[in-house]
Protein backbone atom coordinates (compact mmCIF):
# COMPACT_ATOMS: atom_id res chain seq x y z
CA MET A 1 10.13 -0.65 -6.00
CA VAL A 2 6.80 -2.45 -6.06
CA LEU A 3 5.02 -3.14 -2.80
CA PHE A 4 1.95 -5.36 -2.42
CA GLU A 5 -0.12 -4.93 0.73
CA TRP A 6 -3.59 -5.45 2.20
CA GLU A 7 -6.16 -2.68 2.64
CA PRO A 8 -7.56 -2.63 6.20
CA VAL A 9 -10.79 -4.46 5.34
CA GLU A 10 -12.05 -7.74 6.76
CA THR A 11 -11.50 -10.48 4.19
CA GLY A 12 -11.26 -13.76 6.09
CA ILE A 13 -7.79 -14.30 4.61
CA GLY A 14 -4.46 -12.56 4.99
CA PRO A 15 -3.10 -10.89 8.09
CA PRO A 16 -5.31 -9.76 10.97
CA LEU A 17 -7.10 -6.47 10.40
CA SER A 18 -4.93 -4.78 13.04
CA GLU A 19 -1.81 -5.53 10.96
CA LYS A 20 -3.13 -4.16 7.65
CA ILE A 21 -2.27 -0.63 6.49
CA SER A 22 -4.16 1.49 4.00
CA SER A 23 -2.77 2.38 0.61
CA ASP A 24 -3.08 6.08 1.51
CA GLN A 25 -0.93 5.63 4.61
CA VAL A 26 1.78 3.72 2.76
CA SER A 27 1.78 6.17 -0.13
CA ASN A 28 2.07 9.13 2.26
CA LEU A 29 4.96 7.51 4.15
CA LEU A 30 6.83 6.84 0.92
CA GLU A 31 6.23 10.36 -0.43
CA GLU A 32 7.42 11.90 2.86
CA ASN A 33 10.64 9.94 2.40
CA GLY A 34 11.48 11.04 -1.14
CA PHE A 35 9.50 8.67 -3.37
CA ALA A 36 6.95 9.31 -6.10
CA THR A 37 4.11 6.78 -5.91
CA LYS A 38 1.38 5.26 -8.03
CA THR A 39 -1.24 3.01 -6.41
CA VAL A 40 -2.94 0.18 -8.30
CA HIS A 41 -5.75 -1.77 -6.65
CA VAL A 42 -5.58 -5.46 -7.56
CA ASN A 43 -8.98 -5.99 -5.94
CA GLN A 44 -10.95 -4.62 -2.97
CA ALA A 45 -8.47 -6.00 -0.44
CA ILE A 46 -5.04 -5.94 -2.12
CA TYR A 47 -3.10 -3.08 -3.64
CA ALA A 48 0.28 -2.47 -5.19
CA ILE A 49 2.28 0.71 -4.88
CA ILE A 50 4.90 1.50 -7.48
CA ALA A 51 7.48 3.79 -5.87
CA THR A 52 10.36 5.55 -7.59
CA ASN A 53 13.04 7.72 -6.06
CA LYS A 54 12.41 11.40 -6.83
CA ASN A 55 16.15 12.08 -7.11
């Protein structure tokens, strides 16, 4: 699975800051639920997480 999301930084575009979630938080949630993750930052505001099932 590949997930693109916004880092919680003010950018003037994208969702409101209160709706953004950090790459660390998403990665931790996925790992707690059985996924291995790799995070790639597209730029300062956007990241992708590549998640694979550990099983």
